[in-house]
Amino acid sequence: MVFGGQGLCRLVDGRVCFVPQVIPGERILARIRREHKTYVEADLVRVLEASPDRLKPACPVFGQCGGCHYQHIAMPRQLVIKREQVVDVLKRLGGVTDPPVAPVAASPLSYQYRNRVTVHASRGRVGFFAPKSRRVVSVENCPIATEAVNDLLKDLLSSQGKRIRDGAYPLREPREFRGFRQVNDAAAGTLLDVVQALADPGGGLLVDAYCGAGFFAKRLRESFRQIIGIEWSPDAVRAAREGVTDTEIYLLGDVKVHLVPALASAPSQETTLLLDPPTEGLDSEIHEIIASSLPGRILYVSCNPATLARDIKRMAGNYVLRRACPVDMFPQTAEIEVAVLLERL
């Protein structure tokens, strides 16, 4: 299984073939859908010899909807597959010879965990996009969304008569502010535990770039003598500043502006930098700041193992990867959250 949720096999001519909805070790019949110079894409026609880990998907539109990839796989096998994918991407893209990847920390909930989704309306259909397509697959209930979110979906489907205007409709559980929130509340505590374990024993200064409302900083403030958080969202910073201790400072603005003075406020060897960037990872300016400041440790939390691996490779001249801990924030999907610890050479 490759990152993105498809199975990989090779044809007799050596070309790679990608097939969805399969499990490694299965014998299948597939029909080639699209041919490229070095690889082909195929659709699953029939499973001839099934894996013992194969399940009946919970969702009636699984395979038609592009949201989930692994509903046909038992949860323990999903976790093994995701760990293998993290190891593979750290080797191939990160240049790490023997990645120290821990077993994937499971989500307490494997269904009904998403506190927000975005549905799309097009030509009278309301639902999610099909795989690699803008075609909308009608959905009346999403098994991985919470009951509250599905109630919002029902309200949308029953509103405005039978014709809903084309467009995107974000559906999310109510919250106190509009800053970033983990999509899986049940697994958010697991992620906090993982990050705290990587941060131990703590130390002098923690600079929490992209800090949001202080999701990580609030948990780690007892382990560090000083916390400096940086966040661009006024609502998130306002929430972070509520109930602060004397050791916490939350700065509103661009990470590129505040990161240099924040890192300079304590000796580099006593400084831990916490990074939780957007999906696209770190840009060149952030890498340059890190290379010039060289904090003693870096905690990097990522929902995109590919950009994480790329950034680790770029920092390889100054840092070594000590631990990588995947967390299954997105069960049934191909997405993986990973927290890593990098230490200065």
C-alpha atoms as a PDB file:
ATOM      1  CA  MET A   1       0.000   0.000   0.000  1.00  0.00           C
ATOM      2  CA  VAL A   2       1.422   3.365  -1.013  1.00  0.00           C
ATOM      3  CA  PHE A   3       0.784   6.699   0.668  1.00  0.00           C
ATOM      4  CA  GLY A   4      -2.511   7.921  -0.734  1.00  0.00           C
ATOM      5  CA  GLY A   5      -4.347   4.644  -0.210  1.00  0.00           C
ATOM      6  CA  GLN A   6      -3.742   2.588  -3.344  1.00  0.00           C
ATOM      7  CA  GLY A   7      -2.244  -0.856  -3.719  1.00  0.00           C
ATOM      8  CA  LEU A   8       0.890  -1.266  -5.820  1.00  0.00           C
ATOM      9  CA  CYS A   9       1.791  -4.201  -8.034  1.00  0.00           C
ATOM     10  CA  ARG A  10       3.886  -4.705 -11.163  1.00  0.00           C
ATOM     11  CA  LEU A  11       2.823  -5.918 -14.585  1.00  0.00           C
ATOM     12  CA  VAL A  12       4.848  -8.488 -16.510  1.00  0.00           C
ATOM     13  CA  ASP A  13       6.411  -5.672 -18.564  1.00  0.00           C
ATOM     14  CA  GLY A  14       7.744  -4.090 -15.367  1.00  0.00           C
ATOM     15  CA  ARG A  15       5.368  -1.137 -15.183  1.00  0.00           C
ATOM     16  CA  VAL A  16       3.899  -0.219 -11.825  1.00  0.00           C
ATOM     17  CA  CYS A  17       0.139  -0.667 -11.505  1.00  0.00           C
ATOM     18  CA  PHE A  18      -1.968   1.155  -8.905  1.00  0.00           C
ATOM     19  CA  VAL A  19      -5.259  -0.406  -7.733  1.00  0.00           C
ATOM     20  CA  PRO A  20      -7.590   0.975  -5.024  1.00  0.00           C
ATOM     21  CA  GLN A  21      -9.551  -0.985  -2.381  1.00  0.00           C
ATOM     22  CA  VAL A  22      -7.052  -3.846  -2.084  1.00  0.00           C
ATOM     23  CA  ILE A  23      -4.889  -5.265   0.720  1.00  0.00           C
ATOM     24  CA  PRO A  24      -1.271  -6.431   0.351  1.00  0.00           C
ATOM     25  CA  GLY A  25      -1.077 -10.176  -0.265  1.00  0.00           C
ATOM     26  CA  GLU A  26      -4.451 -10.467  -1.966  1.00  0.00           C
ATOM     27  CA  ARG A  27      -4.893 -12.031  -5.396  1.00  0.00           C
ATOM     28  CA  ILE A  28      -7.206  -9.886  -7.493  1.00  0.00           C
ATOM     29  CA  LEU A  29      -8.655  -9.340 -10.945  1.00  0.00           C
ATOM     30  CA  ALA A  30      -8.237  -5.715 -12.078  1.00  0.00           C
ATOM     31  CA  ARG A  31      -9.112  -3.814 -15.249  1.00  0.00           C
ATOM     32  CA  ILE A  32      -6.657  -1.227 -16.579  1.00  0.00           C
ATOM     33  CA  ARG A  33      -8.336   2.159 -16.750  1.00  0.00           C
ATOM     34  CA  ARG A  34      -5.538   4.482 -17.820  1.00  0.00           C
ATOM     35  CA  GLU A  35      -2.044   3.864 -19.155  1.00  0.00           C
ATOM     36  CA  HIS A  36       0.965   6.132 -18.704  1.00  0.00           C
ATOM     37  CA  LYS A  37       4.544   5.733 -19.864  1.00  0.00           C
ATOM     38  CA  THR A  38       5.904   4.230 -16.646  1.00  0.00           C
ATOM     39  CA  TYR A  39       2.768   3.198 -14.753  1.00  0.00           C
ATOM     40  CA  VAL A  40      -0.879   2.293 -15.175  1.00  0.00           C
ATOM     41  CA  GLU A  41      -4.041   2.867 -13.163  1.00  0.00           C
ATOM     42  CA  ALA A  42      -6.555   0.064 -12.744  1.00  0.00           C
ATOM     43  CA  ASP A  43      -9.904  -0.611 -11.094  1.00  0.00           C
ATOM     44  CA  LEU A  44     -10.623  -3.577  -8.866  1.00  0.00           C
ATOM     45  CA  VAL A  45     -12.971  -6.019 -10.580  1.00  0.00           C
ATOM     46  CA  ARG A  46     -12.977  -8.937  -8.144  1.00  0.00           C
ATOM     47  CA  VAL A  47     -11.019 -10.262  -5.177  1.00  0.00           C
ATOM     48  CA  LEU A  48      -9.938 -13.820  -5.985  1.00  0.00           C
ATOM     49  CA  GLU A  49      -8.107 -14.571  -2.721  1.00  0.00           C
ATOM     50  CA  ALA A  50      -9.056 -12.214   0.107  1.00  0.00           C
ATOM     51  CA  SER A  51      -6.884 -11.104   2.990  1.00  0.00           C
ATOM     52  CA  PRO A  52      -8.057 -12.199   6.470  1.00  0.00           C
ATOM     53  CA  ASP A  53      -8.030  -8.461   7.269  1.00  0.00           C
ATOM     54  CA  ARG A  54     -10.721  -7.653   4.676  1.00  0.00           C
ATOM     55  CA  LEU A  55     -13.989  -6.213   6.044  1.00  0.00           C
ATOM     56  CA  LYS A  56     -17.281  -5.098   4.562  1.00  0.00           C
ATOM     57  CA  PRO A  57     -17.103  -1.261   4.373  1.00  0.00           C
ATOM     58  CA  ALA A  58     -19.468   0.585   6.690  1.00  0.00           C
ATOM     59  CA  CYS A  59     -20.336   3.235   4.097  1.00  0.00           C
ATOM     60  CA  PRO A  60     -22.589   2.407   1.110  1.00  0.00           C
ATOM     61  CA  VAL A  61     -20.634   4.790  -1.155  1.00  0.00           C
ATOM     62  CA  PHE A  62     -17.150   3.639  -0.116  1.00  0.00           C
ATOM     63  CA  GLY A  63     -15.027   3.523  -3.257  1.00  0.00           C
ATOM     64  CA  GLN A  64     -17.276   6.031  -5.024  1.00  0.00           C
ATOM     65  CA  CYS A  65     -16.562   8.832  -2.524  1.00  0.00           C
ATOM     66  CA  GLY A  66     -12.977  10.059  -2.364  1.00  0.00           C
ATOM     67  CA  GLY A  67     -12.889  10.645   1.382  1.00  0.00           C
ATOM     68  CA  CYS A  68     -12.099   7.193   2.792  1.00  0.00           C
ATOM     69  CA  HIS A  69      -9.584   4.653   1.500  1.00  0.00           C
ATOM     70  CA  TYR A  70      -9.336   1.895   4.120  1.00  0.00           C
ATOM     71  CA  GLN A  71     -12.839   0.969   5.293  1.00  0.00           C
ATOM     72  CA  HIS A  72     -12.279  -2.477   3.783  1.00  0.00           C
ATOM     73  CA  ILE A  73      -9.288  -3.103   6.091  1.00  0.00           C
ATOM     74  CA  ALA A  74      -9.406  -4.129   9.780  1.00  0.00           C
ATOM     75  CA  MET A  75      -8.090  -1.409  12.082  1.00  0.00           C
ATOM     76  CA  PRO A  76      -4.978  -3.264  13.345  1.00  0.00           C
ATOM     77  CA  ARG A  77      -3.848  -3.787   9.737  1.00  0.00           C
ATOM     78  CA  GLN A  78      -4.570  -0.136   8.905  1.00  0.00           C
ATOM     79  CA  LEU A  79      -2.145   0.906  11.648  1.00  0.00           C
ATOM     80  CA  VAL A  80       0.561  -1.460  10.372  1.00  0.00           C
ATOM     81  CA  ILE A  81       0.133  -0.151   6.828  1.00  0.00           C
ATOM     82  CA  LYS A  82       0.388   3.468   7.950  1.00  0.00           C
ATOM     83  CA  ARG A  83       3.568   2.816   9.913  1.00  0.00           C
ATOM     84  CA  GLU A  84       5.106   1.106   6.876  1.00  0.00           C
ATOM     85  CA  GLN A  85       4.216   4.135   4.772  1.00  0.00           C
ATOM     86  CA  VAL A  86       5.875   6.532   7.235  1.00  0.00           C
ATOM     87  CA  VAL A  87       9.021   4.387   7.250  1.00  0.00           C
ATOM     88  CA  ASP A  88       9.034   4.297   3.445  1.00  0.00           C
ATOM     89  CA  VAL A  89       8.602   8.057   2.951  1.00  0.00           C
ATOM     90  CA  LEU A  90      11.281   8.894   5.518  1.00  0.00           C
ATOM     91  CA  LYS A  91      13.684   6.603   3.645  1.00  0.00           C
ATOM     92  CA  ARG A  92      12.825   7.693   0.105  1.00  0.00           C
ATOM     93  CA  LEU A  93      12.206  11.411   0.591  1.00  0.00           C
ATOM     94  CA  GLY A  94      13.913  12.073   3.909  1.00  0.00           C
ATOM     95  CA  GLY A  95      17.130  10.207   3.280  1.00  0.00           C
ATOM     96  CA  VAL A  96      16.898   8.506   6.692  1.00  0.00           C
ATOM     97  CA  THR A  97      18.610   5.107   6.475  1.00  0.00           C
ATOM     98  CA  ASP A  98      16.878   3.406   9.396  1.00  0.00           C
ATOM     99  CA  PRO A  99      13.928   5.570  10.485  1.00  0.00           C
ATOM    100  CA  PRO A 100      13.129   5.174  14.222  1.00  0.00           C
ATOM    101  CA  VAL A 101       9.360   4.955  13.718  1.00  0.00           C
ATOM    102  CA  ALA A 102       7.184   3.859  16.627  1.00  0.00           C
ATOM    103  CA  PRO A 103       3.975   1.837  16.182  1.00  0.00           C
ATOM    104  CA  VAL A 104       1.042   4.038  15.195  1.00  0.00           C
ATOM    105  CA  ALA A 105      -0.933   5.339  18.174  1.00  0.00           C
ATOM    106  CA  ALA A 106      -4.557   4.368  17.532  1.00  0.00           C
ATOM    107  CA  SER A 107      -7.488   6.753  17.672  1.00  0.00           C
ATOM    108  CA  PRO A 108      -9.973   5.992  20.470  1.00  0.00           C
ATOM    109  CA  LEU A 109     -12.694   6.172  17.805  1.00  0.00           C
ATOM    110  CA  SER A 110     -12.429   4.652  14.341  1.00  0.00           C
ATOM    111  CA  TYR A 111     -15.794   6.040  13.208  1.00  0.00           C
ATOM    112  CA  GLN A 112     -17.886   9.111  14.125  1.00  0.00           C
ATOM    113  CA  TYR A 113     -14.787  11.138  14.974  1.00  0.00           C
ATOM    114  CA  ARG A 114     -14.670  14.027  12.477  1.00  0.00           C
ATOM    115  CA  ASN A 115     -15.911  17.256  14.052  1.00  0.00           C
ATOM    116  CA  ARG A 116     -16.050  18.980  10.658  1.00  0.00           C
ATOM    117  CA  VAL A 117     -16.473  18.133   6.974  1.00  0.00           C
ATOM    118  CA  THR A 118     -17.064  20.118   3.799  1.00  0.00           C
ATOM    119  CA  VAL A 119     -19.772  18.884   1.476  1.00  0.00           C
ATOM    120  CA  HIS A 120     -20.333  20.101  -2.059  1.00  0.00           C
ATOM    121  CA  ALA A 121     -23.531  20.759  -3.974  1.00  0.00           C
ATOM    122  CA  SER A 122     -23.674  20.378  -7.753  1.00  0.00           C
ATOM    123  CA  ARG A 123     -26.671  19.928 -10.020  1.00  0.00           C
ATOM    124  CA  GLY A 124     -28.924  18.883  -7.195  1.00  0.00           C
ATOM    125  CA  ARG A 125     -26.441  16.470  -5.620  1.00  0.00           C
ATOM    126  CA  VAL A 126     -24.973  17.067  -2.165  1.00  0.00           C
ATOM    127  CA  GLY A 127     -22.019  15.068  -0.924  1.00  0.00           C
ATOM    128  CA  PHE A 128     -18.285  14.568  -1.443  1.00  0.00           C
ATOM    129  CA  PHE A 129     -16.100  14.536  -4.531  1.00  0.00           C
ATOM    130  CA  ALA A 130     -15.345  11.228  -6.213  1.00  0.00           C
ATOM    131  CA  PRO A 131     -11.670  10.162  -6.241  1.00  0.00           C
ATOM    132  CA  LYS A 132      -9.543  12.492  -8.420  1.00  0.00           C
ATOM    133  CA  SER A 133     -12.700  14.190  -9.678  1.00  0.00           C
ATOM    134  CA  ARG A 134     -15.006  17.163  -9.125  1.00  0.00           C
ATOM    135  CA  ARG A 135     -18.032  14.932  -9.600  1.00  0.00           C
ATOM    136  CA  VAL A 136     -20.192  14.984  -6.483  1.00  0.00           C
ATOM    137  CA  VAL A 137     -21.239  11.671  -4.919  1.00  0.00           C
ATOM    138  CA  SER A 138     -24.504  12.053  -2.986  1.00  0.00           C
ATOM    139  CA  VAL A 139     -24.179  11.380   0.750  1.00  0.00           C
ATOM    140  CA  GLU A 140     -26.928  11.417   3.358  1.00  0.00           C
ATOM    141  CA  ASN A 141     -24.795  10.274   6.295  1.00  0.00           C
ATOM    142  CA  CYS A 142     -21.009  10.139   6.718  1.00  0.00           C
ATOM    143  CA  PRO A 143     -19.903   7.291   9.017  1.00  0.00           C
ATOM    144  CA  ILE A 144     -16.642   8.985  10.022  1.00  0.00           C
ATOM    145  CA  ALA A 145     -18.353  12.274  10.956  1.00  0.00           C
ATOM    146  CA  THR A 146     -19.769  12.906  14.413  1.00  0.00           C
ATOM    147  CA  GLU A 147     -23.490  12.725  15.080  1.00  0.00           C
ATOM    148  CA  ALA A 148     -23.612  16.516  15.405  1.00  0.00           C
ATOM    149  CA  VAL A 149     -22.022  17.002  11.989  1.00  0.00           C
ATOM    150  CA  ASN A 150     -24.391  14.479  10.409  1.00  0.00           C
ATOM    151  CA  ASP A 151     -27.304  16.368  11.959  1.00  0.00           C
ATOM    152  CA  LEU A 152     -26.018  19.510  10.203  1.00  0.00           C
ATOM    153  CA  LEU A 153     -25.861  17.546   6.957  1.00  0.00           C
ATOM    154  CA  LYS A 154     -29.466  16.424   7.422  1.00  0.00           C
ATOM    155  CA  ASP A 155     -30.498  20.024   8.080  1.00  0.00           C
ATOM    156  CA  LEU A 156     -28.769  21.131   4.894  1.00  0.00           C
ATOM    157  CA  LEU A 157     -30.419  18.410   2.826  1.00  0.00           C
ATOM    158  CA  SER A 158     -33.855  19.321   4.161  1.00  0.00           C
ATOM    159  CA  SER A 159     -33.406  23.097   3.763  1.00  0.00           C
ATOM    160  CA  GLN A 160     -34.214  25.352   0.832  1.00  0.00           C
ATOM    161  CA  GLY A 161     -36.733  22.919  -0.574  1.00  0.00           C
ATOM    162  CA  LYS A 162     -35.199  20.274  -2.805  1.00  0.00           C
ATOM    163  CA  ARG A 163     -32.781  22.570  -4.642  1.00  0.00           C
ATOM    164  CA  ILE A 164     -29.584  23.597  -2.883  1.00  0.00           C
ATOM    165  CA  ARG A 165     -27.386  26.149  -4.589  1.00  0.00           C
ATOM    166  CA  ASP A 166     -24.150  24.825  -6.050  1.00  0.00           C
ATOM    167  CA  GLY A 167     -21.080  25.411  -3.888  1.00  0.00           C
ATOM    168  CA  ALA A 168     -19.150  24.261  -0.850  1.00  0.00           C
ATOM    169  CA  TYR A 169     -20.804  23.933   2.557  1.00  0.00           C
ATOM    170  CA  PRO A 170     -18.520  23.601   5.616  1.00  0.00           C
ATOM    171  CA  LEU A 171     -20.273  21.672   8.392  1.00  0.00           C
ATOM    172  CA  ARG A 172     -18.625  21.846  11.799  1.00  0.00           C
ATOM    173  CA  GLU A 173     -19.491  21.382  15.424  1.00  0.00           C
ATOM    174  CA  PRO A 174     -19.925  24.666  17.341  1.00  0.00           C
ATOM    175  CA  ARG A 175     -16.806  26.062  18.987  1.00  0.00           C
ATOM    176  CA  GLU A 176     -15.867  29.103  21.001  1.00  0.00           C
ATOM    177  CA  PHE A 177     -13.443  30.636  18.492  1.00  0.00           C
ATOM    178  CA  ARG A 178     -12.640  30.196  14.808  1.00  0.00           C
ATOM    179  CA  GLY A 179      -8.973  29.238  15.167  1.00  0.00           C
ATOM    180  CA  PHE A 180      -7.576  25.846  14.231  1.00  0.00           C
ATOM    181  CA  ARG A 181      -8.959  22.784  15.973  1.00  0.00           C
ATOM    182  CA  GLN A 182      -7.901  19.163  15.538  1.00  0.00           C
ATOM    183  CA  VAL A 183     -10.431  17.359  13.352  1.00  0.00           C
ATOM    184  CA  ASN A 184     -10.519  14.340  15.680  1.00  0.00           C
ATOM    185  CA  ASP A 185     -11.208  15.370  19.278  1.00  0.00           C
ATOM    186  CA  ALA A 186     -10.933  11.770  20.480  1.00  0.00           C
ATOM    187  CA  ALA A 187      -7.370  11.426  19.162  1.00  0.00           C
ATOM    188  CA  ALA A 188      -6.294  14.966  20.058  1.00  0.00           C
ATOM    189  CA  GLY A 189      -5.457  13.849  23.596  1.00  0.00           C
ATOM    190  CA  THR A 190      -3.398  10.981  22.195  1.00  0.00           C
ATOM    191  CA  LEU A 191      -1.432  13.436  20.048  1.00  0.00           C
ATOM    192  CA  LEU A 192      -0.828  15.633  23.100  1.00  0.00           C
ATOM    193  CA  ASP A 193       0.497  12.643  25.037  1.00  0.00           C
ATOM    194  CA  VAL A 194       2.851  11.760  22.184  1.00  0.00           C
ATOM    195  CA  VAL A 195       4.205  15.306  21.876  1.00  0.00           C
ATOM    196  CA  GLN A 196       4.681  15.604  25.642  1.00  0.00           C
ATOM    197  CA  ALA A 197       6.641  12.341  25.685  1.00  0.00           C
ATOM    198  CA  LEU A 198       8.884  13.652  22.889  1.00  0.00           C
ATOM    199  CA  ALA A 199       9.354  16.972  24.720  1.00  0.00           C
ATOM    200  CA  ASP A 200      10.406  15.417  28.032  1.00  0.00           C
ATOM    201  CA  PRO A 201      12.260  16.362  30.131  1.00  0.00           C
ATOM    202  CA  GLY A 202      11.542  19.884  28.879  1.00  0.00           C
ATOM    203  CA  GLY A 203      14.003  22.604  29.768  1.00  0.00           C
ATOM    204  CA  GLY A 204      14.449  26.322  29.246  1.00  0.00           C
ATOM    205  CA  LEU A 205      12.573  27.891  26.337  1.00  0.00           C
ATOM    206  CA  LEU A 206       9.825  26.434  24.143  1.00  0.00           C
ATOM    207  CA  VAL A 207       9.052  28.423  20.999  1.00  0.00           C
ATOM    208  CA  ASP A 208       5.738  27.182  19.636  1.00  0.00           C
ATOM    209  CA  ALA A 209       5.486  28.346  16.038  1.00  0.00           C
ATOM    210  CA  TYR A 210       2.015  28.065  14.460  1.00  0.00           C
ATOM    211  CA  CYS A 211       0.700  27.706  18.022  1.00  0.00           C
ATOM    212  CA  GLY A 212      -2.994  28.248  17.350  1.00  0.00           C
ATOM    213  CA  ALA A 213      -4.849  28.638  20.630  1.00  0.00           C
ATOM    214  CA  GLY A 214      -1.983  27.005  22.518  1.00  0.00           C
ATOM    215  CA  PHE A 215      -3.017  23.403  21.922  1.00  0.00           C
ATOM    216  CA  PHE A 216       0.496  22.065  22.572  1.00  0.00           C
ATOM    217  CA  ALA A 217       1.875  24.953  24.623  1.00  0.00           C
ATOM    218  CA  LYS A 218      -0.762  24.658  27.330  1.00  0.00           C
ATOM    219  CA  ARG A 219       0.113  20.998  27.849  1.00  0.00           C
ATOM    220  CA  LEU A 220       3.872  21.644  27.868  1.00  0.00           C
ATOM    221  CA  ARG A 221       4.032  24.820  29.963  1.00  0.00           C
ATOM    222  CA  GLU A 222       4.845  22.948  33.158  1.00  0.00           C
ATOM    223  CA  SER A 223       7.915  21.425  31.492  1.00  0.00           C
ATOM    224  CA  PHE A 224       9.550  24.671  30.319  1.00  0.00           C
ATOM    225  CA  ARG A 225      10.659  27.832  32.110  1.00  0.00           C
ATOM    226  CA  GLN A 226       9.383  30.028  29.265  1.00  0.00           C
ATOM    227  CA  ILE A 227       6.809  29.584  26.488  1.00  0.00           C
ATOM    228  CA  ILE A 228       6.628  31.835  23.421  1.00  0.00           C
ATOM    229  CA  GLY A 229       3.788  31.090  21.012  1.00  0.00           C
ATOM    230  CA  ILE A 230       3.425  32.608  17.541  1.00  0.00           C
ATOM    231  CA  GLU A 231       0.144  32.644  15.620  1.00  0.00           C
ATOM    232  CA  TRP A 232      -1.385  34.709  12.798  1.00  0.00           C
ATOM    233  CA  SER A 233      -5.071  34.295  13.813  1.00  0.00           C
ATOM    234  CA  PRO A 234      -6.346  37.024  16.200  1.00  0.00           C
ATOM    235  CA  ASP A 235      -9.135  34.772  17.499  1.00  0.00           C
ATOM    236  CA  ALA A 236      -6.689  31.956  18.258  1.00  0.00           C
ATOM    237  CA  VAL A 237      -4.228  34.288  20.010  1.00  0.00           C
ATOM    238  CA  ARG A 238      -7.064  35.797  22.034  1.00  0.00           C
ATOM    239  CA  ALA A 239      -8.040  32.295  23.157  1.00  0.00           C
ATOM    240  CA  ALA A 240      -4.402  31.370  23.899  1.00  0.00           C
ATOM    241  CA  ARG A 241      -3.975  34.427  26.104  1.00  0.00           C
ATOM    242  CA  GLU A 242      -6.862  33.415  28.340  1.00  0.00           C
ATOM    243  CA  GLY A 243      -5.640  31.977  31.621  1.00  0.00           C
ATOM    244  CA  VAL A 244      -1.942  32.425  30.809  1.00  0.00           C
ATOM    245  CA  THR A 245       0.702  31.943  33.466  1.00  0.00           C
ATOM    246  CA  ASP A 246       3.677  34.246  34.044  1.00  0.00           C
ATOM    247  CA  THR A 247       5.789  31.976  31.822  1.00  0.00           C
ATOM    248  CA  GLU A 248       3.615  32.251  28.687  1.00  0.00           C
ATOM    249  CA  ILE A 249       3.711  34.852  25.903  1.00  0.00           C
ATOM    250  CA  TYR A 250       1.587  34.615  22.750  1.00  0.00           C
ATOM    251  CA  LEU A 251       2.554  36.816  19.805  1.00  0.00           C
ATOM    252  CA  LEU A 252       0.165  37.777  17.023  1.00  0.00           C
ATOM    253  CA  GLY A 253       1.684  37.865  13.560  1.00  0.00           C
ATOM    254  CA  ASP A 254       3.793  36.100  10.955  1.00  0.00           C
ATOM    255  CA  VAL A 255       6.118  33.329  12.126  1.00  0.00           C
ATOM    256  CA  LYS A 256       8.827  34.703   9.822  1.00  0.00           C
ATOM    257  CA  VAL A 257       8.712  38.028  11.683  1.00  0.00           C
ATOM    258  CA  HIS A 258       8.624  36.769  15.275  1.00  0.00           C
ATOM    259  CA  LEU A 259      10.698  33.587  15.081  1.00  0.00           C
ATOM    260  CA  VAL A 260      14.166  35.200  15.009  1.00  0.00           C
ATOM    261  CA  PRO A 261      13.763  37.311  18.171  1.00  0.00           C
ATOM    262  CA  ALA A 262      11.890  34.500  19.915  1.00  0.00           C
ATOM    263  CA  LEU A 263      14.717  32.019  19.332  1.00  0.00           C
ATOM    264  CA  ALA A 264      17.284  34.639  20.350  1.00  0.00           C
ATOM    265  CA  SER A 265      15.713  35.121  23.778  1.00  0.00           C
ATOM    266  CA  ALA A 266      17.476  32.083  25.297  1.00  0.00           C
ATOM    267  CA  PRO A 267      20.646  30.059  24.659  1.00  0.00           C
ATOM    268  CA  SER A 268      20.124  27.839  21.611  1.00  0.00           C
ATOM    269  CA  GLN A 269      21.062  24.613  23.410  1.00  0.00           C
ATOM    270  CA  GLU A 270      18.352  25.293  26.012  1.00  0.00           C
ATOM    271  CA  THR A 271      15.717  25.997  23.361  1.00  0.00           C
ATOM    272  CA  THR A 272      13.112  23.641  21.903  1.00  0.00           C
ATOM    273  CA  LEU A 273      11.327  24.710  18.715  1.00  0.00           C
ATOM    274  CA  LEU A 274       7.868  23.260  18.154  1.00  0.00           C
ATOM    275  CA  LEU A 275       6.652  23.300  14.560  1.00  0.00           C
ATOM    276  CA  ASP A 276       3.121  22.450  13.438  1.00  0.00           C
ATOM    277  CA  PRO A 277       3.025  24.047   9.976  1.00  0.00           C
ATOM    278  CA  PRO A 278       0.361  23.862   7.257  1.00  0.00           C
ATOM    279  CA  THR A 279       0.242  20.864   4.915  1.00  0.00           C
ATOM    280  CA  GLU A 280       2.830  22.350   2.568  1.00  0.00           C
ATOM    281  CA  GLY A 281       5.458  22.289   5.329  1.00  0.00           C
ATOM    282  CA  LEU A 282       8.221  24.837   5.930  1.00  0.00           C
ATOM    283  CA  ASP A 283       9.297  27.396   3.353  1.00  0.00           C
ATOM    284  CA  SER A 284      12.863  28.471   2.641  1.00  0.00           C
ATOM    285  CA  GLU A 285      12.795  31.460   4.992  1.00  0.00           C
ATOM    286  CA  ILE A 286      11.882  29.297   7.978  1.00  0.00           C
ATOM    287  CA  HIS A 287      14.649  26.850   7.092  1.00  0.00           C
ATOM    288  CA  GLU A 288      17.124  29.720   6.933  1.00  0.00           C
ATOM    289  CA  ILE A 289      16.051  30.989  10.359  1.00  0.00           C
ATOM    290  CA  ILE A 290      16.431  27.511  11.862  1.00  0.00           C
ATOM    291  CA  ALA A 291      19.863  27.068  10.263  1.00  0.00           C
ATOM    292  CA  SER A 292      21.077  30.386  11.680  1.00  0.00           C
ATOM    293  CA  SER A 293      19.580  29.926  15.167  1.00  0.00           C
ATOM    294  CA  LEU A 294      20.092  26.153  15.621  1.00  0.00           C
ATOM    295  CA  PRO A 295      17.785  25.438  18.578  1.00  0.00           C
ATOM    296  CA  GLY A 296      18.863  22.390  20.561  1.00  0.00           C
ATOM    297  CA  ARG A 297      15.753  20.345  19.766  1.00  0.00           C
ATOM    298  CA  ILE A 298      12.938  20.503  17.241  1.00  0.00           C
ATOM    299  CA  LEU A 299       9.511  18.937  17.704  1.00  0.00           C
ATOM    300  CA  TYR A 300       7.796  18.756  14.331  1.00  0.00           C
ATOM    301  CA  VAL A 301       4.133  17.762  14.013  1.00  0.00           C
ATOM    302  CA  SER A 302       2.880  17.116  10.484  1.00  0.00           C
ATOM    303  CA  CYS A 303      -0.233  15.861   8.719  1.00  0.00           C
ATOM    304  CA  ASN A 304       1.777  15.374   5.528  1.00  0.00           C
ATOM    305  CA  PRO A 305       4.598  12.804   5.834  1.00  0.00           C
ATOM    306  CA  ALA A 306       5.956  13.752   2.393  1.00  0.00           C
ATOM    307  CA  THR A 307       6.622  17.411   3.254  1.00  0.00           C
ATOM    308  CA  LEU A 308       7.819  16.351   6.710  1.00  0.00           C
ATOM    309  CA  ALA A 309      10.384  14.028   5.119  1.00  0.00           C
ATOM    310  CA  ARG A 310      11.469  16.759   2.715  1.00  0.00           C
ATOM    311  CA  ASP A 311      12.012  19.197   5.602  1.00  0.00           C
ATOM    312  CA  ILE A 312      13.906  16.599   7.651  1.00  0.00           C
ATOM    313  CA  LYS A 313      16.240  16.004   4.714  1.00  0.00           C
ATOM    314  CA  ARG A 314      16.872  19.730   4.394  1.00  0.00           C
ATOM    315  CA  MET A 315      17.842  19.923   8.081  1.00  0.00           C
ATOM    316  CA  ALA A 316      19.985  16.775   8.001  1.00  0.00           C
ATOM    317  CA  GLY A 317      23.255  18.720   8.079  1.00  0.00           C
ATOM    318  CA  ASN A 318      22.405  20.130  11.506  1.00  0.00           C
ATOM    319  CA  TYR A 319      19.924  17.688  13.035  1.00  0.00           C
ATOM    320  CA  VAL A 320      19.393  13.966  13.494  1.00  0.00           C
ATOM    321  CA  LEU A 321      16.000  12.258  13.671  1.00  0.00           C
ATOM    322  CA  ARG A 322      15.671  10.609  17.088  1.00  0.00           C
ATOM    323  CA  ARG A 323      12.054   9.435  17.083  1.00  0.00           C
ATOM    324  CA  ALA A 324       9.023   9.465  14.812  1.00  0.00           C
ATOM    325  CA  CYS A 325       5.615   8.748  16.321  1.00  0.00           C
ATOM    326  CA  PRO A 326       2.624   8.411  13.973  1.00  0.00           C
ATOM    327  CA  VAL A 327      -0.853   9.064  15.370  1.00  0.00           C
ATOM    328  CA  ASP A 328      -3.993   7.806  13.600  1.00  0.00           C
ATOM    329  CA  MET A 329      -5.890  11.097  13.590  1.00  0.00           C
ATOM    330  CA  PHE A 330      -7.828  10.074  10.470  1.00  0.00           C
ATOM    331  CA  PRO A 331      -8.991   6.421  10.684  1.00  0.00           C
ATOM    332  CA  GLN A 332     -10.378   4.857   7.493  1.00  0.00           C
ATOM    333  CA  THR A 333      -8.518   7.436   5.383  1.00  0.00           C
ATOM    334  CA  ALA A 334      -5.020   7.510   3.881  1.00  0.00           C
ATOM    335  CA  GLU A 335      -4.037  10.542   5.995  1.00  0.00           C
ATOM    336  CA  ILE A 336      -1.384  10.195   8.703  1.00  0.00           C
ATOM    337  CA  GLU A 337      -0.306  12.557  11.500  1.00  0.00           C
ATOM    338  CA  VAL A 338       3.329  12.233  12.582  1.00  0.00           C
ATOM    339  CA  ALA A 339       5.238  13.852  15.456  1.00  0.00           C
ATOM    340  CA  VAL A 340       9.041  13.692  15.364  1.00  0.00           C
ATOM    341  CA  LEU A 341      11.940  14.695  17.576  1.00  0.00           C
ATOM    342  CA  LEU A 342      15.059  16.163  15.961  1.00  0.00           C
ATOM    343  CA  GLU A 343      18.194  16.867  17.983  1.00  0.00           C
ATOM    344  CA  ARG A 344      21.059  19.140  17.018  1.00  0.00           C
ATOM    345  CA  LEU A 345      24.245  17.395  15.976  1.00  0.00           C
END
